[in-house]
Amino acid sequence: MYNHIDINDCLINQTCLNVEDATQRDARCVEQLIITVVTDIARLLIAFMGANKRSRYPSNWNSIALDIKSKSDWRCTRCGMQCLRPTDKKEGLSRRERSIKTLVVHHWNYTPEDNRNENLAALCQGCHMLFHTRRRGNISPGQLSLW
């Protein structure tokens, strides 16, 4: 399973000069094995969480979202704030300012699989957060962070 560590080399069939050498060697090998297992589990979790979050959206989501944003003329349909277009210059804006002026697409029924035009709305980050914090919809930690 962990072919990048030769377990046989670490724990089996080793001859040592004394018990202290064997104990130190085995402790290093076990430590290396634990680090490898934990790292592999972390990679799997990260891959699963990323795939799981996006799996509810269609493969053409970016195109759908761009169309909804363009139809709103890059304005929030709730508060009317003019948001940044992809072609706008962002130099001089802080990360927070860019985030606040980012237009996102909201699903009125909180179902990412339902991409009918009447279910989608272009909202600024602040308005989008208001809808999700009241509804506690399909958000994941950090998804709606403004910073």
N, C-alpha and C. Protein backbone atom coordinates (compact mmCIF):
# COMPACT_ATOMS: atom_id res chain seq x y z
N MET A 1 0.83 -1.20 0.00
CA MET A 1 0.00 0.00 0.00
C MET A 1 0.87 1.26 0.00
N TYR A 2 1.84 1.33 0.85
CA TYR A 2 2.73 2.49 0.92
C TYR A 2 4.04 2.13 0.27
N ASN A 3 4.02 2.08 -1.06
CA ASN A 3 5.19 1.60 -1.78
C ASN A 3 6.35 2.58 -1.77
N HIS A 4 6.14 3.83 -1.38
CA HIS A 4 7.26 4.76 -1.33
C HIS A 4 8.06 4.60 -0.03
N ILE A 5 7.61 3.75 0.86
CA ILE A 5 8.39 3.40 2.05
C ILE A 5 8.54 1.88 2.01
N ASP A 6 9.73 1.42 2.11
CA ASP A 6 9.96 -0.02 2.14
C ASP A 6 9.80 -0.49 3.58
N ILE A 7 8.61 -0.97 3.90
CA ILE A 7 8.32 -1.39 5.27
C ILE A 7 9.24 -2.53 5.67
N ASN A 8 9.51 -3.43 4.73
CA ASN A 8 10.43 -4.53 5.05
C ASN A 8 11.79 -3.99 5.47
N ASP A 9 12.21 -2.95 4.80
CA ASP A 9 13.50 -2.35 5.12
C ASP A 9 13.49 -1.74 6.52
N CYS A 10 12.34 -1.22 6.92
CA CYS A 10 12.24 -0.56 8.21
C CYS A 10 12.03 -1.50 9.38
N LEU A 11 11.12 -2.42 9.24
CA LEU A 11 10.68 -3.15 10.42
C LEU A 11 11.01 -4.64 10.43
N ILE A 12 11.31 -5.21 9.27
CA ILE A 12 11.49 -6.66 9.21
C ILE A 12 12.89 -6.98 8.69
N ASN A 13 13.43 -8.09 9.18
CA ASN A 13 14.70 -8.64 8.69
C ASN A 13 15.88 -7.67 8.81
N GLN A 14 15.93 -6.90 9.85
CA GLN A 14 17.06 -6.00 10.06
C GLN A 14 17.95 -6.61 11.15
N THR A 15 19.18 -6.57 10.89
CA THR A 15 20.12 -7.00 11.93
C THR A 15 20.77 -5.75 12.50
N CYS A 16 20.85 -5.70 13.80
CA CYS A 16 21.43 -4.54 14.47
C CYS A 16 22.54 -5.00 15.38
N LEU A 17 23.41 -4.05 15.66
CA LEU A 17 24.53 -4.37 16.53
C LEU A 17 24.08 -4.56 17.97
N ASN A 18 23.07 -3.80 18.39
CA ASN A 18 22.57 -3.95 19.76
C ASN A 18 21.11 -3.51 19.82
N VAL A 19 20.49 -3.70 20.95
CA VAL A 19 19.08 -3.40 21.14
C VAL A 19 18.81 -1.91 20.97
N GLU A 20 19.73 -1.06 21.42
CA GLU A 20 19.54 0.39 21.31
C GLU A 20 19.47 0.81 19.84
N ASP A 21 20.34 0.28 18.99
CA ASP A 21 20.29 0.58 17.55
C ASP A 21 18.96 0.16 16.96
N ALA A 22 18.50 -1.04 17.32
CA ALA A 22 17.22 -1.56 16.79
C ALA A 22 16.07 -0.66 17.22
N THR A 23 16.04 -0.26 18.46
CA THR A 23 14.96 0.57 18.98
C THR A 23 14.94 1.93 18.29
N GLN A 24 16.09 2.57 18.13
CA GLN A 24 16.17 3.86 17.47
C GLN A 24 15.74 3.74 16.00
N ARG A 25 16.23 2.68 15.33
CA ARG A 25 15.88 2.48 13.93
C ARG A 25 14.38 2.25 13.78
N ASP A 26 13.81 1.39 14.61
CA ASP A 26 12.39 1.09 14.54
C ASP A 26 11.55 2.33 14.85
N ALA A 27 11.98 3.12 15.81
CA ALA A 27 11.24 4.34 16.15
C ALA A 27 11.24 5.30 14.97
N ARG A 28 12.39 5.46 14.29
CA ARG A 28 12.46 6.34 13.12
C ARG A 28 11.56 5.81 12.00
N CYS A 29 11.57 4.51 11.80
CA CYS A 29 10.77 3.91 10.74
C CYS A 29 9.28 4.05 11.03
N VAL A 30 8.89 3.82 12.28
CA VAL A 30 7.48 3.97 12.65
C VAL A 30 7.06 5.42 12.50
N GLU A 31 7.91 6.34 12.92
CA GLU A 31 7.61 7.77 12.78
C GLU A 31 7.43 8.13 11.31
N GLN A 32 8.31 7.64 10.45
CA GLN A 32 8.22 7.92 9.02
C GLN A 32 6.94 7.32 8.43
N LEU A 33 6.60 6.12 8.87
CA LEU A 33 5.39 5.47 8.39
C LEU A 33 4.15 6.25 8.81
N ILE A 34 4.10 6.70 10.05
CA ILE A 34 2.97 7.49 10.55
C ILE A 34 2.83 8.79 9.76
N ILE A 35 3.92 9.47 9.53
CA ILE A 35 3.89 10.72 8.77
C ILE A 35 3.35 10.46 7.36
N THR A 36 3.80 9.38 6.75
CA THR A 36 3.34 9.06 5.40
C THR A 36 1.85 8.75 5.37
N VAL A 37 1.38 7.97 6.32
CA VAL A 37 -0.04 7.61 6.37
C VAL A 37 -0.89 8.86 6.59
N VAL A 38 -0.51 9.70 7.54
CA VAL A 38 -1.26 10.93 7.82
C VAL A 38 -1.26 11.85 6.60
N THR A 39 -0.13 11.98 5.92
CA THR A 39 -0.05 12.81 4.72
C THR A 39 -0.97 12.27 3.63
N ASP A 40 -0.97 10.95 3.43
CA ASP A 40 -1.84 10.36 2.41
C ASP A 40 -3.31 10.55 2.75
N ILE A 41 -3.66 10.42 4.02
CA ILE A 41 -5.06 10.64 4.43
C ILE A 41 -5.45 12.10 4.19
N ALA A 42 -4.57 13.03 4.53
CA ALA A 42 -4.85 14.45 4.30
C ALA A 42 -5.06 14.74 2.82
N ARG A 43 -4.22 14.18 1.95
CA ARG A 43 -4.39 14.37 0.51
C ARG A 43 -5.73 13.84 0.03
N LEU A 44 -6.14 12.67 0.52
CA LEU A 44 -7.41 12.09 0.13
C LEU A 44 -8.57 12.96 0.60
N LEU A 45 -8.50 13.46 1.83
CA LEU A 45 -9.57 14.33 2.34
C LEU A 45 -9.68 15.61 1.54
N ILE A 46 -8.56 16.22 1.22
CA ILE A 46 -8.57 17.45 0.42
C ILE A 46 -9.17 17.18 -0.95
N ALA A 47 -8.78 16.09 -1.58
CA ALA A 47 -9.31 15.75 -2.90
C ALA A 47 -10.81 15.49 -2.82
N PHE A 48 -11.25 14.77 -1.78
CA PHE A 48 -12.67 14.47 -1.63
C PHE A 48 -13.48 15.72 -1.39
N MET A 49 -13.00 16.60 -0.50
CA MET A 49 -13.76 17.81 -0.19
C MET A 49 -13.87 18.71 -1.41
N GLY A 50 -12.80 18.85 -2.17
CA GLY A 50 -12.85 19.67 -3.37
C GLY A 50 -13.77 19.09 -4.42
N ALA A 51 -13.71 17.78 -4.63
CA ALA A 51 -14.56 17.13 -5.61
C ALA A 51 -16.01 17.16 -5.16
N ASN A 52 -16.23 16.96 -3.87
CA ASN A 52 -17.58 16.93 -3.35
C ASN A 52 -18.27 18.29 -3.49
N LYS A 53 -17.54 19.36 -3.22
CA LYS A 53 -18.11 20.70 -3.30
C LYS A 53 -18.53 21.03 -4.74
N ARG A 54 -17.68 20.70 -5.69
CA ARG A 54 -17.96 21.02 -7.09
C ARG A 54 -18.86 20.00 -7.78
N SER A 55 -19.04 18.83 -7.18
CA SER A 55 -19.80 17.78 -7.86
C SER A 55 -21.26 18.12 -8.03
N ARG A 56 -21.77 19.06 -7.28
CA ARG A 56 -23.18 19.43 -7.40
C ARG A 56 -23.42 20.45 -8.52
N TYR A 57 -22.36 21.00 -9.07
CA TYR A 57 -22.47 21.98 -10.14
C TYR A 57 -22.21 21.30 -11.49
N PRO A 58 -22.88 21.77 -12.55
CA PRO A 58 -22.63 21.17 -13.86
C PRO A 58 -21.25 21.55 -14.39
N SER A 59 -20.79 20.79 -15.36
CA SER A 59 -19.45 21.04 -15.91
C SER A 59 -19.37 22.40 -16.60
N ASN A 60 -20.49 22.94 -17.05
CA ASN A 60 -20.50 24.24 -17.72
C ASN A 60 -20.92 25.38 -16.77
N TRP A 61 -20.72 25.18 -15.46
CA TRP A 61 -21.14 26.18 -14.48
C TRP A 61 -20.50 27.54 -14.74
N ASN A 62 -19.23 27.59 -15.06
CA ASN A 62 -18.56 28.88 -15.28
C ASN A 62 -19.23 29.65 -16.40
N SER A 63 -19.64 28.98 -17.46
CA SER A 63 -20.33 29.62 -18.58
C SER A 63 -21.72 30.12 -18.16
N ILE A 64 -22.44 29.30 -17.40
CA ILE A 64 -23.77 29.70 -16.90
C ILE A 64 -23.64 30.93 -16.02
N ALA A 65 -22.69 30.90 -15.09
CA ALA A 65 -22.50 32.03 -14.16
C ALA A 65 -22.11 33.31 -14.90
N LEU A 66 -21.23 33.18 -15.88
CA LEU A 66 -20.82 34.34 -16.66
C LEU A 66 -22.01 34.95 -17.40
N ASP A 67 -22.88 34.12 -17.93
CA ASP A 67 -24.08 34.59 -18.64
C ASP A 67 -25.02 35.35 -17.70
N ILE A 68 -25.24 34.82 -16.50
CA ILE A 68 -26.11 35.48 -15.52
C ILE A 68 -25.52 36.83 -15.10
N LYS A 69 -24.23 36.87 -14.87
CA LYS A 69 -23.56 38.12 -14.48
C LYS A 69 -23.63 39.15 -15.60
N SER A 70 -23.42 38.71 -16.82
CA SER A 70 -23.48 39.62 -17.97
C SER A 70 -24.88 40.19 -18.15
N LYS A 71 -25.90 39.36 -17.98
CA LYS A 71 -27.29 39.83 -18.12
C LYS A 71 -27.65 40.88 -17.09
N SER A 72 -26.98 40.85 -15.92
CA SER A 72 -27.26 41.85 -14.88
C SER A 72 -26.37 43.09 -15.06
N ASP A 73 -25.60 43.12 -16.14
CA ASP A 73 -24.64 44.19 -16.40
C ASP A 73 -23.64 44.34 -15.25
N TRP A 74 -23.31 43.21 -14.63
CA TRP A 74 -22.34 43.15 -13.55
C TRP A 74 -22.75 44.00 -12.34
N ARG A 75 -24.06 44.07 -12.11
CA ARG A 75 -24.61 44.76 -10.94
C ARG A 75 -25.34 43.76 -10.06
N CYS A 76 -25.27 43.98 -8.76
CA CYS A 76 -26.01 43.15 -7.81
C CYS A 76 -27.50 43.39 -8.03
N THR A 77 -28.27 42.33 -8.20
CA THR A 77 -29.70 42.48 -8.46
C THR A 77 -30.48 42.80 -7.18
N ARG A 78 -29.82 42.79 -6.03
CA ARG A 78 -30.49 43.13 -4.77
C ARG A 78 -30.21 44.58 -4.39
N CYS A 79 -28.93 44.97 -4.30
CA CYS A 79 -28.59 46.31 -3.82
C CYS A 79 -28.17 47.26 -4.94
N GLY A 80 -27.91 46.73 -6.13
CA GLY A 80 -27.54 47.56 -7.27
C GLY A 80 -26.06 47.94 -7.35
N MET A 81 -25.22 47.42 -6.45
CA MET A 81 -23.81 47.78 -6.48
C MET A 81 -23.18 47.34 -7.79
N GLN A 82 -22.39 48.24 -8.38
CA GLN A 82 -21.62 47.89 -9.58
C GLN A 82 -20.44 47.04 -9.14
N CYS A 83 -20.35 45.84 -9.67
CA CYS A 83 -19.28 44.92 -9.30
C CYS A 83 -18.22 44.88 -10.38
N LEU A 84 -17.13 44.25 -10.06
CA LEU A 84 -16.00 44.19 -10.99
C LEU A 84 -16.29 43.24 -12.16
N ARG A 85 -15.97 43.71 -13.35
CA ARG A 85 -16.03 42.86 -14.53
C ARG A 85 -14.67 42.20 -14.68
N PRO A 86 -14.61 41.09 -15.40
CA PRO A 86 -13.30 40.43 -15.59
C PRO A 86 -12.26 41.34 -16.22
N THR A 87 -12.70 42.32 -17.00
CA THR A 87 -11.76 43.21 -17.70
C THR A 87 -11.39 44.44 -16.89
N ASP A 88 -12.05 44.68 -15.75
CA ASP A 88 -11.76 45.86 -14.93
C ASP A 88 -10.37 45.76 -14.32
N LYS A 89 -9.72 46.91 -14.19
CA LYS A 89 -8.41 46.95 -13.54
C LYS A 89 -8.62 46.83 -12.03
N LYS A 90 -7.84 45.96 -11.42
CA LYS A 90 -7.98 45.72 -10.00
C LYS A 90 -6.81 46.27 -9.19
N GLU A 91 -5.84 46.86 -9.89
CA GLU A 91 -4.71 47.45 -9.18
C GLU A 91 -5.22 48.57 -8.28
N GLY A 92 -4.64 48.67 -7.11
CA GLY A 92 -5.04 49.72 -6.18
C GLY A 92 -6.17 49.30 -5.26
N LEU A 93 -6.81 48.18 -5.55
CA LEU A 93 -7.86 47.68 -4.67
C LEU A 93 -7.26 46.65 -3.72
N SER A 94 -7.67 46.72 -2.46
CA SER A 94 -7.21 45.71 -1.50
C SER A 94 -7.92 44.40 -1.78
N ARG A 95 -7.43 43.34 -1.19
CA ARG A 95 -8.08 42.03 -1.37
C ARG A 95 -9.52 42.10 -0.87
N ARG A 96 -9.73 42.79 0.23
CA ARG A 96 -11.08 42.93 0.80
C ARG A 96 -11.99 43.70 -0.16
N GLU A 97 -11.49 44.79 -0.74
CA GLU A 97 -12.29 45.57 -1.69
C GLU A 97 -12.65 44.75 -2.92
N ARG A 98 -11.67 43.99 -3.43
CA ARG A 98 -11.95 43.13 -4.59
C ARG A 98 -13.01 42.09 -4.25
N SER A 99 -12.91 41.52 -3.05
CA SER A 99 -13.86 40.50 -2.63
C SER A 99 -15.27 41.08 -2.51
N ILE A 100 -15.39 42.24 -1.90
CA ILE A 100 -16.69 42.88 -1.73
C ILE A 100 -17.33 43.18 -3.08
N LYS A 101 -16.52 43.58 -4.06
CA LYS A 101 -17.04 43.94 -5.38
C LYS A 101 -17.09 42.77 -6.36
N THR A 102 -16.95 41.55 -5.84
CA THR A 102 -17.04 40.37 -6.69
C THR A 102 -18.49 39.95 -6.80
N LEU A 103 -18.94 39.75 -8.02
CA LEU A 103 -20.31 39.31 -8.27
C LEU A 103 -20.34 37.79 -8.31
N VAL A 104 -21.30 37.21 -7.62
CA VAL A 104 -21.47 35.76 -7.59
C VAL A 104 -22.89 35.42 -8.03
N VAL A 105 -23.11 34.15 -8.33
CA VAL A 105 -24.45 33.72 -8.75
C VAL A 105 -25.07 32.89 -7.63
N HIS A 106 -26.26 33.30 -7.24
CA HIS A 106 -27.00 32.66 -6.15
C HIS A 106 -28.13 31.80 -6.71
N HIS A 107 -28.35 30.64 -6.10
CA HIS A 107 -29.50 29.77 -6.42
C HIS A 107 -30.61 30.09 -5.42
N TRP A 108 -31.73 30.61 -5.90
CA TRP A 108 -32.82 31.00 -5.02
C TRP A 108 -33.32 29.84 -4.16
N ASN A 109 -33.33 28.64 -4.72
CA ASN A 109 -33.81 27.49 -3.96
C ASN A 109 -32.68 26.73 -3.27
N TYR A 110 -31.49 27.30 -3.27
CA TYR A 110 -30.32 26.74 -2.59
C TYR A 110 -29.93 25.36 -3.14
N THR A 111 -30.26 25.09 -4.38
CA THR A 111 -29.97 23.80 -5.00
C THR A 111 -29.07 24.02 -6.20
N PRO A 112 -27.77 23.75 -6.09
CA PRO A 112 -26.83 24.01 -7.19
C PRO A 112 -27.12 23.22 -8.46
N GLU A 113 -27.88 22.14 -8.34
CA GLU A 113 -28.21 21.37 -9.54
C GLU A 113 -29.30 22.04 -10.38
N ASP A 114 -30.05 22.97 -9.80
CA ASP A 114 -31.16 23.64 -10.50
C ASP A 114 -30.65 24.95 -11.10
N ASN A 115 -30.30 24.90 -12.37
CA ASN A 115 -29.69 26.06 -13.02
C ASN A 115 -30.60 26.73 -14.04
N ARG A 116 -31.90 26.69 -13.78
CA ARG A 116 -32.84 27.44 -14.61
C ARG A 116 -32.60 28.93 -14.38
N ASN A 117 -32.76 29.75 -15.43
CA ASN A 117 -32.52 31.19 -15.31
C ASN A 117 -33.32 31.82 -14.17
N GLU A 118 -34.57 31.39 -13.99
CA GLU A 118 -35.40 31.98 -12.94
C GLU A 118 -34.95 31.59 -11.53
N ASN A 119 -34.08 30.62 -11.42
CA ASN A 119 -33.56 30.21 -10.11
C ASN A 119 -32.21 30.87 -9.80
N LEU A 120 -31.66 31.62 -10.73
CA LEU A 120 -30.33 32.19 -10.56
C LEU A 120 -30.38 33.71 -10.47
N ALA A 121 -29.54 34.27 -9.62
CA ALA A 121 -29.47 35.73 -9.48
C ALA A 121 -28.02 36.16 -9.26
N ALA A 122 -27.65 37.26 -9.87
CA ALA A 122 -26.31 37.85 -9.68
C ALA A 122 -26.37 38.71 -8.42
N LEU A 123 -25.52 38.39 -7.45
CA LEU A 123 -25.48 39.12 -6.19
C LEU A 123 -24.05 39.48 -5.83
N CYS A 124 -23.88 40.64 -5.18
CA CYS A 124 -22.57 40.97 -4.63
C CYS A 124 -22.30 40.02 -3.46
N GLN A 125 -21.06 39.96 -3.02
CA GLN A 125 -20.70 39.05 -1.93
C GLN A 125 -21.52 39.32 -0.66
N GLY A 126 -21.71 40.59 -0.33
CA GLY A 126 -22.45 40.94 0.89
C GLY A 126 -23.88 40.46 0.86
N CYS A 127 -24.58 40.71 -0.26
CA CYS A 127 -25.98 40.26 -0.38
C CYS A 127 -26.05 38.74 -0.41
N HIS A 128 -25.12 38.11 -1.10
CA HIS A 128 -25.10 36.65 -1.15
C HIS A 128 -24.93 36.08 0.25
N MET A 129 -24.04 36.69 1.04
CA MET A 129 -23.83 36.21 2.40
C MET A 129 -25.10 36.37 3.24
N LEU A 130 -25.80 37.47 3.06
CA LEU A 130 -27.05 37.69 3.81
C LEU A 130 -28.05 36.57 3.54
N PHE A 131 -28.20 36.19 2.29
CA PHE A 131 -29.14 35.12 1.97
C PHE A 131 -28.72 33.80 2.60
N HIS A 132 -27.44 33.50 2.56
CA HIS A 132 -27.00 32.22 3.09
C HIS A 132 -26.95 32.18 4.61
N THR A 133 -26.63 33.29 5.25
CA THR A 133 -26.57 33.24 6.71
C THR A 133 -27.98 33.16 7.30
N ARG A 134 -28.97 33.72 6.63
CA ARG A 134 -30.35 33.58 7.11
C ARG A 134 -30.88 32.18 6.83
N ARG A 135 -30.60 31.67 5.67
CA ARG A 135 -31.14 30.38 5.23
C ARG A 135 -30.28 29.22 5.73
N ARG A 136 -28.98 29.48 5.91
CA ARG A 136 -28.03 28.42 6.26
C ARG A 136 -28.10 27.31 5.21
N GLY A 137 -27.95 27.72 3.97
CA GLY A 137 -28.09 26.81 2.83
C GLY A 137 -26.92 25.88 2.66
N ASN A 138 -26.52 25.71 1.41
CA ASN A 138 -25.53 24.71 1.04
C ASN A 138 -24.09 25.21 1.14
N ILE A 139 -23.81 26.11 2.07
CA ILE A 139 -22.47 26.68 2.15
C ILE A 139 -21.54 25.73 2.88
N SER A 140 -20.29 25.81 2.51
CA SER A 140 -19.26 25.07 3.22
C SER A 140 -18.37 26.10 3.92
N PRO A 141 -17.62 25.69 4.95
CA PRO A 141 -16.79 26.65 5.67
C PRO A 141 -15.86 27.42 4.73
N GLY A 142 -15.88 28.74 4.86
CA GLY A 142 -15.00 29.57 4.07
C GLY A 142 -15.55 29.95 2.71
N GLN A 143 -16.64 29.34 2.26
CA GLN A 143 -17.16 29.61 0.92
C GLN A 143 -17.57 31.07 0.75
N LEU A 144 -18.14 31.66 1.79
CA LEU A 144 -18.67 33.01 1.68
C LEU A 144 -17.84 34.04 2.41
N SER A 145 -16.64 33.72 2.76
CA SER A 145 -15.80 34.66 3.49
C SER A 145 -15.48 35.88 2.64
N LEU A 146 -15.52 37.05 3.23
CA LEU A 146 -15.20 38.28 2.51
C LEU A 146 -13.71 38.61 2.61
N TRP A 147 -12.95 37.92 3.40
CA TRP A 147 -11.53 38.23 3.55
C TRP A 147 -10.70 37.08 3.18
